[in-house]
N, C-alpha and C. Protein backbone atom coordinates (compact mmCIF):
# COMPACT_ATOMS: atom_id res chain seq x y z
N MET A 1 100.84 27.61 -54.15
CA MET A 1 99.43 27.93 -54.21
C MET A 1 98.65 26.63 -54.38
N ALA A 2 97.64 26.45 -53.59
CA ALA A 2 96.84 25.22 -53.62
C ALA A 2 95.91 25.22 -54.83
N ARG A 3 95.76 24.04 -55.41
CA ARG A 3 94.84 23.92 -56.55
C ARG A 3 93.42 23.87 -56.04
N THR A 4 92.52 24.48 -56.76
CA THR A 4 91.11 24.42 -56.38
C THR A 4 90.46 23.28 -57.15
N ALA A 5 89.61 22.59 -56.48
CA ALA A 5 88.94 21.44 -57.10
C ALA A 5 87.54 21.85 -57.54
N ASN A 6 87.16 21.33 -58.65
CA ASN A 6 85.81 21.58 -59.13
C ASN A 6 84.93 20.42 -58.64
N TYR A 7 84.46 20.57 -57.43
CA TYR A 7 83.70 19.51 -56.78
C TYR A 7 82.37 19.23 -57.50
N GLU A 8 81.74 20.26 -57.98
CA GLU A 8 80.46 20.08 -58.67
C GLU A 8 80.63 19.18 -59.89
N ALA A 9 81.68 19.38 -60.66
CA ALA A 9 81.92 18.56 -61.85
C ALA A 9 82.23 17.12 -61.44
N LYS A 10 83.00 16.96 -60.37
CA LYS A 10 83.32 15.61 -59.90
C LYS A 10 82.07 14.89 -59.42
N ILE A 11 81.23 15.63 -58.70
CA ILE A 11 79.98 15.04 -58.21
C ILE A 11 79.11 14.60 -59.37
N GLU A 12 78.97 15.44 -60.37
CA GLU A 12 78.16 15.11 -61.55
C GLU A 12 78.71 13.88 -62.27
N THR A 13 80.02 13.82 -62.39
CA THR A 13 80.66 12.68 -63.05
C THR A 13 80.38 11.39 -62.30
N ILE A 14 80.53 11.43 -61.01
CA ILE A 14 80.30 10.23 -60.19
C ILE A 14 78.82 9.84 -60.21
N GLU A 15 77.93 10.81 -60.13
CA GLU A 15 76.50 10.51 -60.19
C GLU A 15 76.13 9.90 -61.54
N ALA A 16 76.75 10.36 -62.59
CA ALA A 16 76.49 9.80 -63.92
C ALA A 16 76.97 8.35 -63.99
N LYS A 17 78.13 8.08 -63.40
CA LYS A 17 78.65 6.70 -63.36
C LYS A 17 77.72 5.79 -62.57
N ILE A 18 77.22 6.30 -61.44
CA ILE A 18 76.30 5.52 -60.61
C ILE A 18 75.03 5.20 -61.40
N GLN A 19 74.50 6.19 -62.10
CA GLN A 19 73.28 5.98 -62.88
C GLN A 19 73.51 4.95 -63.99
N LYS A 20 74.68 5.03 -64.62
CA LYS A 20 75.02 4.08 -65.68
C LYS A 20 75.04 2.66 -65.12
N LYS A 21 75.65 2.49 -63.95
CA LYS A 21 75.71 1.16 -63.32
C LYS A 21 74.32 0.69 -62.93
N LYS A 22 73.47 1.59 -62.43
CA LYS A 22 72.10 1.22 -62.07
C LYS A 22 71.34 0.73 -63.30
N ASP A 23 71.54 1.42 -64.42
CA ASP A 23 70.90 1.01 -65.67
C ASP A 23 71.39 -0.36 -66.12
N GLU A 24 72.70 -0.60 -65.97
CA GLU A 24 73.27 -1.90 -66.33
C GLU A 24 72.68 -3.00 -65.45
N ILE A 25 72.55 -2.73 -64.16
CA ILE A 25 71.99 -3.71 -63.23
C ILE A 25 70.54 -4.00 -63.58
N LYS A 26 69.80 -2.96 -63.93
CA LYS A 26 68.39 -3.14 -64.31
C LYS A 26 68.28 -4.05 -65.54
N LYS A 27 69.14 -3.83 -66.52
CA LYS A 27 69.14 -4.66 -67.73
C LYS A 27 69.52 -6.10 -67.39
N LEU A 28 70.52 -6.26 -66.53
CA LEU A 28 70.95 -7.61 -66.15
C LEU A 28 69.86 -8.35 -65.38
N LYS A 29 69.14 -7.64 -64.52
CA LYS A 29 68.04 -8.27 -63.78
C LYS A 29 66.94 -8.72 -64.74
N ALA A 30 66.64 -7.91 -65.74
CA ALA A 30 65.63 -8.28 -66.73
C ALA A 30 66.10 -9.50 -67.52
N GLU A 31 67.37 -9.52 -67.89
CA GLU A 31 67.93 -10.67 -68.61
C GLU A 31 67.88 -11.92 -67.74
N LEU A 32 68.18 -11.78 -66.47
CA LEU A 32 68.13 -12.90 -65.53
C LEU A 32 66.72 -13.47 -65.44
N GLU A 33 65.73 -12.61 -65.32
CA GLU A 33 64.35 -13.07 -65.25
C GLU A 33 63.94 -13.80 -66.51
N GLU A 34 64.39 -13.31 -67.65
CA GLU A 34 64.09 -13.96 -68.93
C GLU A 34 64.72 -15.36 -68.98
N VAL A 35 65.95 -15.47 -68.55
CA VAL A 35 66.64 -16.77 -68.56
C VAL A 35 65.97 -17.73 -67.57
N LYS A 36 65.58 -17.22 -66.40
CA LYS A 36 64.88 -18.06 -65.42
C LYS A 36 63.56 -18.57 -65.99
N ALA A 37 62.84 -17.72 -66.70
CA ALA A 37 61.56 -18.12 -67.29
C ALA A 37 61.79 -19.20 -68.36
N LYS A 38 62.82 -19.03 -69.17
CA LYS A 38 63.12 -20.03 -70.19
C LYS A 38 63.52 -21.36 -69.55
N LYS A 39 64.27 -21.30 -68.46
CA LYS A 39 64.67 -22.51 -67.75
C LYS A 39 63.44 -23.21 -67.19
N ALA A 40 62.54 -22.45 -66.60
CA ALA A 40 61.31 -23.03 -66.04
C ALA A 40 60.50 -23.71 -67.14
N GLN A 41 60.42 -23.09 -68.32
CA GLN A 41 59.70 -23.69 -69.44
C GLN A 41 60.36 -25.00 -69.85
N ALA A 42 61.67 -24.99 -69.93
CA ALA A 42 62.40 -26.20 -70.34
C ALA A 42 62.22 -27.30 -69.30
N ASP A 43 62.28 -26.95 -68.02
CA ASP A 43 62.08 -27.93 -66.96
C ASP A 43 60.67 -28.51 -67.01
N TYR A 44 59.69 -27.64 -67.24
CA TYR A 44 58.30 -28.08 -67.31
C TYR A 44 58.10 -29.02 -68.50
N LYS A 45 58.70 -28.69 -69.64
CA LYS A 45 58.59 -29.54 -70.82
C LYS A 45 59.24 -30.90 -70.54
N GLU A 46 60.39 -30.88 -69.89
CA GLU A 46 61.08 -32.13 -69.55
C GLU A 46 60.20 -32.99 -68.64
N LEU A 47 59.56 -32.36 -67.67
CA LEU A 47 58.66 -33.07 -66.76
C LEU A 47 57.49 -33.68 -67.52
N LEU A 48 56.87 -32.88 -68.39
CA LEU A 48 55.73 -33.38 -69.16
C LEU A 48 56.15 -34.53 -70.09
N ASP A 49 57.31 -34.40 -70.70
CA ASP A 49 57.82 -35.48 -71.57
C ASP A 49 58.03 -36.76 -70.76
N TYR A 50 58.61 -36.62 -69.58
CA TYR A 50 58.86 -37.78 -68.73
C TYR A 50 57.54 -38.44 -68.34
N MET A 51 56.59 -37.60 -67.93
CA MET A 51 55.28 -38.13 -67.54
C MET A 51 54.61 -38.84 -68.71
N SER A 52 54.72 -38.28 -69.88
CA SER A 52 54.12 -38.88 -71.08
C SER A 52 54.80 -40.20 -71.42
N GLU A 53 56.12 -40.23 -71.38
CA GLU A 53 56.87 -41.45 -71.70
C GLU A 53 56.57 -42.59 -70.74
N HIS A 54 56.30 -42.25 -69.48
CA HIS A 54 56.08 -43.26 -68.47
C HIS A 54 54.60 -43.42 -68.10
N ASP A 55 53.74 -42.81 -68.89
CA ASP A 55 52.30 -42.90 -68.69
C ASP A 55 51.90 -42.54 -67.26
N ILE A 56 52.38 -41.38 -66.82
CA ILE A 56 52.06 -40.89 -65.48
C ILE A 56 51.17 -39.66 -65.62
N SER A 57 50.05 -39.67 -64.91
CA SER A 57 49.14 -38.52 -64.98
C SER A 57 49.52 -37.49 -63.93
N ALA A 58 49.02 -36.30 -64.11
CA ALA A 58 49.28 -35.23 -63.14
C ALA A 58 48.67 -35.59 -61.79
N ASP A 59 47.53 -36.26 -61.80
CA ASP A 59 46.90 -36.69 -60.55
C ASP A 59 47.82 -37.63 -59.77
N LYS A 60 48.46 -38.55 -60.49
CA LYS A 60 49.37 -39.49 -59.83
C LYS A 60 50.57 -38.75 -59.22
N VAL A 61 51.09 -37.78 -59.95
CA VAL A 61 52.23 -37.00 -59.46
C VAL A 61 51.84 -36.25 -58.20
N LEU A 62 50.69 -35.57 -58.22
CA LEU A 62 50.24 -34.82 -57.07
C LEU A 62 50.00 -35.73 -55.87
N GLU A 63 49.46 -36.92 -56.13
CA GLU A 63 49.21 -37.88 -55.05
C GLU A 63 50.52 -38.26 -54.37
N VAL A 64 51.56 -38.51 -55.16
CA VAL A 64 52.85 -38.90 -54.61
C VAL A 64 53.48 -37.73 -53.84
N ILE A 65 53.36 -36.55 -54.39
CA ILE A 65 53.95 -35.37 -53.75
C ILE A 65 53.28 -35.08 -52.40
N LYS A 66 51.97 -35.20 -52.38
CA LYS A 66 51.21 -34.87 -51.16
C LYS A 66 51.39 -35.91 -50.06
N ASN A 67 51.74 -37.13 -50.43
CA ASN A 67 51.88 -38.19 -49.41
C ASN A 67 53.26 -38.32 -48.96
């Protein structure tokens, strides 16, 4: 005699797993954006420190970049 499968329960289980993974991805994306923002802040601070140490103004930097 063939076993009957409870497809509805299997479907629900798989859908729940998919939702869990989607939630994990959403959290990871938020964490990634936070880390990227912190990196950008650190890079900006490093740039400002360098400019200050070498007495370079923002106008001078823009002039060099544009030319």
